[in-house]
N, C-alpha and C. Protein backbone atom coordinates (compact mmCIF):
# COMPACT_ATOMS: atom_id res chain seq x y z
N MET A 1 118.91 117.09 109.34
CA MET A 1 119.03 118.45 108.90
C MET A 1 118.65 119.33 110.08
N GLU A 2 119.47 120.36 110.33
CA GLU A 2 119.20 121.21 111.48
C GLU A 2 119.64 122.64 111.21
N SER A 3 118.83 123.56 111.67
CA SER A 3 119.21 124.96 111.77
C SER A 3 119.29 125.20 113.27
N ILE A 4 120.49 125.37 113.77
CA ILE A 4 120.74 125.41 115.21
C ILE A 4 119.78 126.38 115.90
N ASN A 5 119.13 125.90 116.95
CA ASN A 5 118.19 126.65 117.77
C ASN A 5 116.91 127.07 117.04
N ASN A 6 116.71 126.62 115.80
CA ASN A 6 115.50 126.96 115.07
C ASN A 6 114.63 125.74 114.79
N PHE A 7 115.19 124.78 114.08
CA PHE A 7 114.43 123.57 113.79
C PHE A 7 115.38 122.42 113.50
N LYS A 8 114.81 121.23 113.54
CA LYS A 8 115.58 120.02 113.27
C LYS A 8 114.64 118.99 112.66
N VAL A 9 115.12 118.31 111.64
CA VAL A 9 114.38 117.21 111.04
C VAL A 9 115.30 116.01 111.05
N GLU A 10 114.83 114.92 111.64
CA GLU A 10 115.59 113.67 111.68
C GLU A 10 114.89 112.64 110.82
N PHE A 11 115.69 111.86 110.13
CA PHE A 11 115.16 110.77 109.32
C PHE A 11 116.02 109.55 109.57
N GLN A 12 115.39 108.48 109.99
CA GLN A 12 116.09 107.22 110.23
C GLN A 12 115.48 106.17 109.31
N LEU A 13 116.32 105.54 108.52
CA LEU A 13 115.90 104.48 107.62
C LEU A 13 116.58 103.19 108.07
N ASN A 14 115.78 102.16 108.28
CA ASN A 14 116.29 100.89 108.79
C ASN A 14 116.31 99.84 107.69
N PRO A 15 117.18 98.83 107.82
CA PRO A 15 117.28 97.77 106.80
C PRO A 15 115.98 97.00 106.57
N ASP A 16 115.09 97.01 107.55
CA ASP A 16 113.82 96.28 107.39
C ASP A 16 112.74 97.14 106.72
N SER A 17 113.13 98.26 106.11
CA SER A 17 112.24 99.18 105.38
C SER A 17 111.43 100.10 106.29
N THR A 18 111.61 100.02 107.59
CA THR A 18 110.89 100.94 108.45
C THR A 18 111.65 102.26 108.50
N TYR A 19 110.90 103.33 108.79
CA TYR A 19 111.52 104.64 108.90
C TYR A 19 110.90 105.41 110.05
N ARG A 20 111.61 106.44 110.47
CA ARG A 20 111.13 107.35 111.51
C ARG A 20 111.53 108.75 111.13
N ILE A 21 110.55 109.65 111.15
CA ILE A 21 110.80 111.07 110.89
C ILE A 21 110.43 111.84 112.14
N GLY A 22 111.31 112.71 112.58
CA GLY A 22 111.03 113.60 113.70
C GLY A 22 111.25 115.03 113.25
N ARG A 23 110.27 115.88 113.50
CA ARG A 23 110.42 117.29 113.15
C ARG A 23 110.21 118.12 114.42
N TYR A 24 111.19 118.96 114.71
CA TYR A 24 111.20 119.74 115.94
C TYR A 24 111.33 121.21 115.57
N ASN A 25 110.41 122.04 116.03
CA ASN A 25 110.45 123.46 115.73
C ASN A 25 110.83 124.20 117.01
N TYR A 26 112.13 124.26 117.27
CA TYR A 26 112.63 124.84 118.52
C TYR A 26 112.23 126.31 118.67
N PHE A 27 112.25 127.06 117.61
CA PHE A 27 111.97 128.49 117.68
C PHE A 27 110.56 128.73 118.21
N PHE A 28 109.56 128.12 117.59
CA PHE A 28 108.18 128.33 118.03
C PHE A 28 107.88 127.61 119.34
N ASP A 29 108.54 126.47 119.58
CA ASP A 29 108.35 125.78 120.86
C ASP A 29 108.79 126.67 122.02
N LYS A 30 109.92 127.35 121.87
CA LYS A 30 110.39 128.26 122.92
C LYS A 30 109.43 129.42 123.08
N TYR A 31 108.96 129.95 121.99
CA TYR A 31 108.04 131.08 122.02
C TYR A 31 106.73 130.71 122.72
N GLU A 32 106.21 129.51 122.42
CA GLU A 32 104.94 129.07 122.99
C GLU A 32 105.10 128.40 124.34
N GLY A 33 106.33 128.07 124.72
CA GLY A 33 106.58 127.46 126.01
C GLY A 33 106.23 125.99 126.10
N LYS A 34 106.10 125.32 124.97
CA LYS A 34 105.83 123.88 124.99
C LYS A 34 106.42 123.23 123.74
N ALA A 35 106.90 122.03 123.92
CA ALA A 35 107.48 121.28 122.81
C ALA A 35 106.40 120.45 122.13
N ARG A 36 106.37 120.54 120.83
CA ARG A 36 105.40 119.76 120.06
C ARG A 36 106.08 119.12 118.86
N PRO A 37 106.91 118.14 119.12
CA PRO A 37 107.56 117.48 117.98
C PRO A 37 106.53 116.71 117.15
N LEU A 38 106.78 116.64 115.88
CA LEU A 38 105.95 115.86 114.97
C LEU A 38 106.72 114.60 114.64
N ILE A 39 106.16 113.45 114.99
CA ILE A 39 106.82 112.17 114.77
C ILE A 39 105.98 111.33 113.82
N GLU A 40 106.62 110.77 112.83
CA GLU A 40 105.95 109.90 111.87
C GLU A 40 106.79 108.64 111.73
N GLU A 41 106.16 107.50 111.85
CA GLU A 41 106.83 106.22 111.66
C GLU A 41 106.06 105.42 110.63
N GLY A 42 106.77 104.66 109.85
CA GLY A 42 106.08 103.87 108.84
C GLY A 42 107.02 102.87 108.18
N LYS A 43 106.54 102.31 107.11
CA LYS A 43 107.31 101.33 106.36
C LYS A 43 107.30 101.75 104.89
N LEU A 44 108.49 101.74 104.30
CA LEU A 44 108.63 102.10 102.90
C LEU A 44 107.95 101.07 102.01
N THR A 45 107.45 101.52 100.88
CA THR A 45 107.02 100.57 99.86
C THR A 45 108.28 99.95 99.26
N GLN A 46 108.12 98.88 98.53
CA GLN A 46 109.28 98.27 97.88
C GLN A 46 109.94 99.24 96.91
N GLU A 47 109.13 100.02 96.20
CA GLU A 47 109.67 101.00 95.25
C GLU A 47 110.48 102.07 95.98
N GLU A 48 109.94 102.59 97.09
CA GLU A 48 110.67 103.59 97.87
C GLU A 48 111.98 103.03 98.41
N PHE A 49 111.93 101.80 98.93
CA PHE A 49 113.13 101.17 99.46
C PHE A 49 114.18 101.01 98.37
N ASP A 50 113.76 100.58 97.19
CA ASP A 50 114.69 100.41 96.07
C ASP A 50 115.32 101.73 95.66
N ILE A 51 114.53 102.79 95.66
CA ILE A 51 115.07 104.11 95.31
C ILE A 51 116.11 104.55 96.34
N PHE A 52 115.79 104.41 97.62
CA PHE A 52 116.75 104.78 98.65
C PHE A 52 118.02 103.93 98.55
N ALA A 53 117.86 102.64 98.35
CA ALA A 53 119.04 101.76 98.25
C ALA A 53 119.94 102.20 97.09
N LYS A 54 119.33 102.52 95.96
CA LYS A 54 120.10 102.96 94.80
C LYS A 54 120.78 104.30 95.07
N LEU A 55 120.06 105.23 95.68
CA LEU A 55 120.63 106.54 95.99
C LEU A 55 121.77 106.45 97.01
N ILE A 56 121.59 105.63 98.02
CA ILE A 56 122.65 105.46 99.03
C ILE A 56 123.89 104.85 98.39
N ALA A 57 123.70 103.83 97.57
CA ALA A 57 124.84 103.22 96.89
C ALA A 57 125.53 104.21 95.96
N GLY A 58 124.74 105.02 95.26
CA GLY A 58 125.29 105.99 94.32
C GLY A 58 125.90 107.21 94.96
N SER A 59 125.62 107.42 96.23
CA SER A 59 126.12 108.63 96.91
C SER A 59 127.58 108.49 97.31
N LYS A 60 128.07 107.27 97.41
CA LYS A 60 129.46 107.01 97.81
C LYS A 60 129.79 107.64 99.16
N LEU A 61 128.85 107.57 100.09
CA LEU A 61 129.05 108.16 101.42
C LEU A 61 130.33 107.67 102.08
N GLU A 62 130.63 106.40 101.91
CA GLU A 62 131.81 105.85 102.59
C GLU A 62 133.11 106.46 102.09
N LYS A 63 133.10 107.08 100.91
CA LYS A 63 134.31 107.70 100.35
C LYS A 63 134.38 109.20 100.61
N MET A 64 133.32 109.76 101.17
CA MET A 64 133.30 111.20 101.41
C MET A 64 134.14 111.56 102.64
N ASP A 65 134.55 112.82 102.70
CA ASP A 65 135.24 113.33 103.89
C ASP A 65 134.25 113.36 105.05
N ASP A 66 134.76 113.58 106.25
CA ASP A 66 133.90 113.62 107.43
C ASP A 66 133.12 114.91 107.57
N SER A 67 133.65 116.02 107.03
CA SER A 67 132.94 117.29 107.16
C SER A 67 133.24 118.19 105.96
N TYR A 68 132.27 119.05 105.69
CA TYR A 68 132.36 120.01 104.60
C TYR A 68 131.78 121.35 105.07
N GLY A 69 132.52 122.42 104.80
CA GLY A 69 131.99 123.76 105.02
C GLY A 69 132.11 124.32 106.42
N PHE A 70 132.95 123.73 107.25
CA PHE A 70 133.09 124.22 108.61
C PHE A 70 134.43 124.90 108.85
N ASP A 71 135.16 125.18 107.78
CA ASP A 71 136.48 125.78 107.92
C ASP A 71 136.45 127.30 107.91
N ARG A 72 135.29 127.90 107.62
CA ARG A 72 135.18 129.35 107.63
C ARG A 72 134.68 129.81 108.99
N GLU A 73 134.98 131.05 109.32
CA GLU A 73 134.60 131.58 110.63
C GLU A 73 133.35 132.44 110.57
N ASP A 74 132.53 132.30 109.53
CA ASP A 74 131.32 133.11 109.47
C ASP A 74 130.28 132.58 110.45
N ASP A 75 129.24 133.36 110.64
CA ASP A 75 128.19 133.01 111.59
C ASP A 75 127.42 131.79 111.08
N THR A 76 127.45 130.71 111.84
CA THR A 76 126.77 129.49 111.43
C THR A 76 125.45 129.26 112.19
N ASP A 77 125.02 130.23 112.99
CA ASP A 77 123.81 130.03 113.79
C ASP A 77 122.57 129.75 112.95
N ASN A 78 122.46 130.35 111.78
CA ASN A 78 121.27 130.17 110.97
C ASN A 78 121.50 129.27 109.77
N ASN A 79 122.69 128.73 109.65
CA ASN A 79 122.97 127.82 108.55
C ASN A 79 122.26 126.50 108.74
N ILE A 80 121.99 125.85 107.64
CA ILE A 80 121.40 124.52 107.70
C ILE A 80 122.55 123.51 107.65
N ILE A 81 122.52 122.60 108.59
CA ILE A 81 123.56 121.59 108.74
C ILE A 81 122.93 120.23 108.48
N TYR A 82 123.59 119.43 107.65
CA TYR A 82 123.19 118.05 107.43
C TYR A 82 124.17 117.15 108.14
N VAL A 83 123.66 116.19 108.89
CA VAL A 83 124.51 115.19 109.54
C VAL A 83 123.97 113.83 109.10
N ILE A 84 124.83 113.07 108.48
CA ILE A 84 124.45 111.77 107.96
C ILE A 84 125.28 110.71 108.66
N GLU A 85 124.62 109.66 109.11
CA GLU A 85 125.34 108.51 109.66
C GLU A 85 124.92 107.30 108.85
N LEU A 86 125.89 106.63 108.31
CA LEU A 86 125.66 105.38 107.59
C LEU A 86 126.22 104.26 108.44
N LYS A 87 125.34 103.33 108.84
CA LYS A 87 125.77 102.18 109.65
C LYS A 87 125.66 100.93 108.81
N ARG A 88 126.74 100.19 108.80
CA ARG A 88 126.74 98.87 108.16
C ARG A 88 127.47 97.93 109.08
N ASP A 89 126.76 96.90 109.49
CA ASP A 89 127.31 95.95 110.45
C ASP A 89 127.77 96.71 111.69
N ASP A 90 129.03 96.59 112.07
CA ASP A 90 129.53 97.28 113.26
C ASP A 90 130.27 98.57 112.93
N GLN A 91 130.19 99.03 111.69
CA GLN A 91 130.92 100.23 111.29
C GLN A 91 129.95 101.39 111.05
N SER A 92 130.41 102.59 111.42
CA SER A 92 129.63 103.80 111.19
C SER A 92 130.48 104.82 110.46
N LYS A 93 129.84 105.59 109.61
CA LYS A 93 130.48 106.69 108.91
C LYS A 93 129.62 107.92 109.14
N PHE A 94 130.21 108.97 109.71
CA PHE A 94 129.52 110.23 109.94
C PHE A 94 130.01 111.26 108.94
N ILE A 95 129.07 112.02 108.39
CA ILE A 95 129.40 113.12 107.50
C ILE A 95 128.58 114.33 107.93
N SER A 96 129.26 115.45 108.13
CA SER A 96 128.59 116.70 108.49
C SER A 96 128.82 117.70 107.37
N VAL A 97 127.73 118.35 106.94
CA VAL A 97 127.82 119.29 105.82
C VAL A 97 127.11 120.58 106.20
N ASN A 98 127.85 121.68 106.13
CA ASN A 98 127.26 123.01 106.26
C ASN A 98 126.70 123.35 104.88
N ASN A 99 125.42 123.62 104.79
CA ASN A 99 124.77 123.86 103.51
C ASN A 99 125.40 125.02 102.74
N ASN A 100 126.07 125.94 103.42
CA ASN A 100 126.70 127.09 102.77
C ASN A 100 128.11 126.79 102.28
N THR A 101 128.49 125.55 102.20
CA THR A 101 129.84 125.21 101.79
C THR A 101 130.08 125.54 100.32
N ASP A 102 131.30 125.92 100.03
CA ASP A 102 131.73 126.12 98.65
C ASP A 102 132.41 124.86 98.11
N GLU A 103 132.63 123.89 98.99
CA GLU A 103 133.31 122.66 98.60
C GLU A 103 132.41 121.83 97.67
N HIS A 104 133.05 121.11 96.77
CA HIS A 104 132.30 120.26 95.85
C HIS A 104 131.76 119.04 96.61
N LEU A 105 130.48 118.82 96.46
CA LEU A 105 129.85 117.63 97.03
C LEU A 105 129.50 116.69 95.88
N PRO A 106 129.68 115.41 96.05
CA PRO A 106 129.37 114.47 94.97
C PRO A 106 127.91 114.58 94.52
N ASP A 107 127.69 114.46 93.22
CA ASP A 107 126.34 114.56 92.68
C ASP A 107 125.41 113.52 93.29
N GLY A 108 125.92 112.30 93.54
CA GLY A 108 125.10 111.26 94.15
C GLY A 108 124.64 111.64 95.54
N PHE A 109 125.49 112.35 96.29
CA PHE A 109 125.12 112.83 97.62
C PHE A 109 124.00 113.87 97.50
N LYS A 110 124.13 114.79 96.55
CA LYS A 110 123.11 115.83 96.36
C LYS A 110 121.77 115.20 95.99
N ARG A 111 121.80 114.17 95.14
CA ARG A 111 120.55 113.49 94.77
C ARG A 111 119.92 112.80 95.98
N LEU A 112 120.74 112.17 96.82
CA LEU A 112 120.23 111.51 98.03
C LEU A 112 119.58 112.53 98.96
N ILE A 113 120.24 113.66 99.18
CA ILE A 113 119.68 114.70 100.06
C ILE A 113 118.38 115.26 99.48
N ALA A 114 118.36 115.52 98.18
CA ALA A 114 117.15 116.07 97.55
C ALA A 114 115.98 115.11 97.65
N PHE A 115 116.20 113.83 97.35
CA PHE A 115 115.13 112.85 97.42
C PHE A 115 114.64 112.67 98.85
N THR A 116 115.58 112.62 99.79
CA THR A 116 115.21 112.45 101.20
C THR A 116 114.37 113.64 101.66
N GLY A 117 114.76 114.84 101.28
CA GLY A 117 113.98 116.03 101.65
C GLY A 117 112.56 115.98 101.10
N GLU A 118 112.42 115.56 99.84
CA GLU A 118 111.09 115.44 99.24
C GLU A 118 110.27 114.37 99.93
N PHE A 119 110.91 113.25 100.24
CA PHE A 119 110.22 112.16 100.92
C PHE A 119 109.69 112.62 102.28
N ILE A 120 110.55 113.29 103.04
CA ILE A 120 110.16 113.78 104.36
C ILE A 120 109.01 114.78 104.23
N SER A 121 109.13 115.71 103.31
CA SER A 121 108.08 116.72 103.11
C SER A 121 106.75 116.06 102.79
N ASP A 122 106.77 115.07 101.89
CA ASP A 122 105.53 114.39 101.52
C ASP A 122 104.90 113.69 102.72
N LYS A 123 105.69 113.00 103.51
CA LYS A 123 105.16 112.25 104.65
C LYS A 123 104.65 113.19 105.74
N VAL A 124 105.39 114.25 106.01
CA VAL A 124 105.00 115.20 107.07
C VAL A 124 103.79 116.01 106.63
N GLU A 125 103.72 116.36 105.37
CA GLU A 125 102.59 117.13 104.85
C GLU A 125 101.28 116.36 105.04
N MET A 126 101.32 115.04 104.90
CA MET A 126 100.12 114.24 105.08
C MET A 126 99.62 114.28 106.52
N LEU A 127 100.50 114.57 107.48
CA LEU A 127 100.10 114.61 108.90
C LEU A 127 99.49 115.94 109.28
N GLU A 128 99.80 116.98 108.55
CA GLU A 128 99.37 118.33 108.95
C GLU A 128 97.96 118.63 108.48
């Protein structure tokens, strides 16, 4: 998830249940003149892994289009952009979504994004 030139949150989930969260606050880093990314690495519980596995399967990412919401010419500088990459074996599927899209997004995708956002918030909040 990224707001161009403002902030970025990365979440990587691996098949072995490990994860990595990176949070970058570009706006304040530029203002203060130093980069202070917040990095959290850990391992999912079995329950968390099962929830993610179910949500990923239910999201039907492999059937989604490659991009949503980028066909308008409005100012996208402050929009929130989601970029998802699903890797399985040697294949990758990229999906880019402008949060301001009017296009229909699958309900399973919305549930995956919502849960992932809550998960990230909970883990990052514990570090602060």
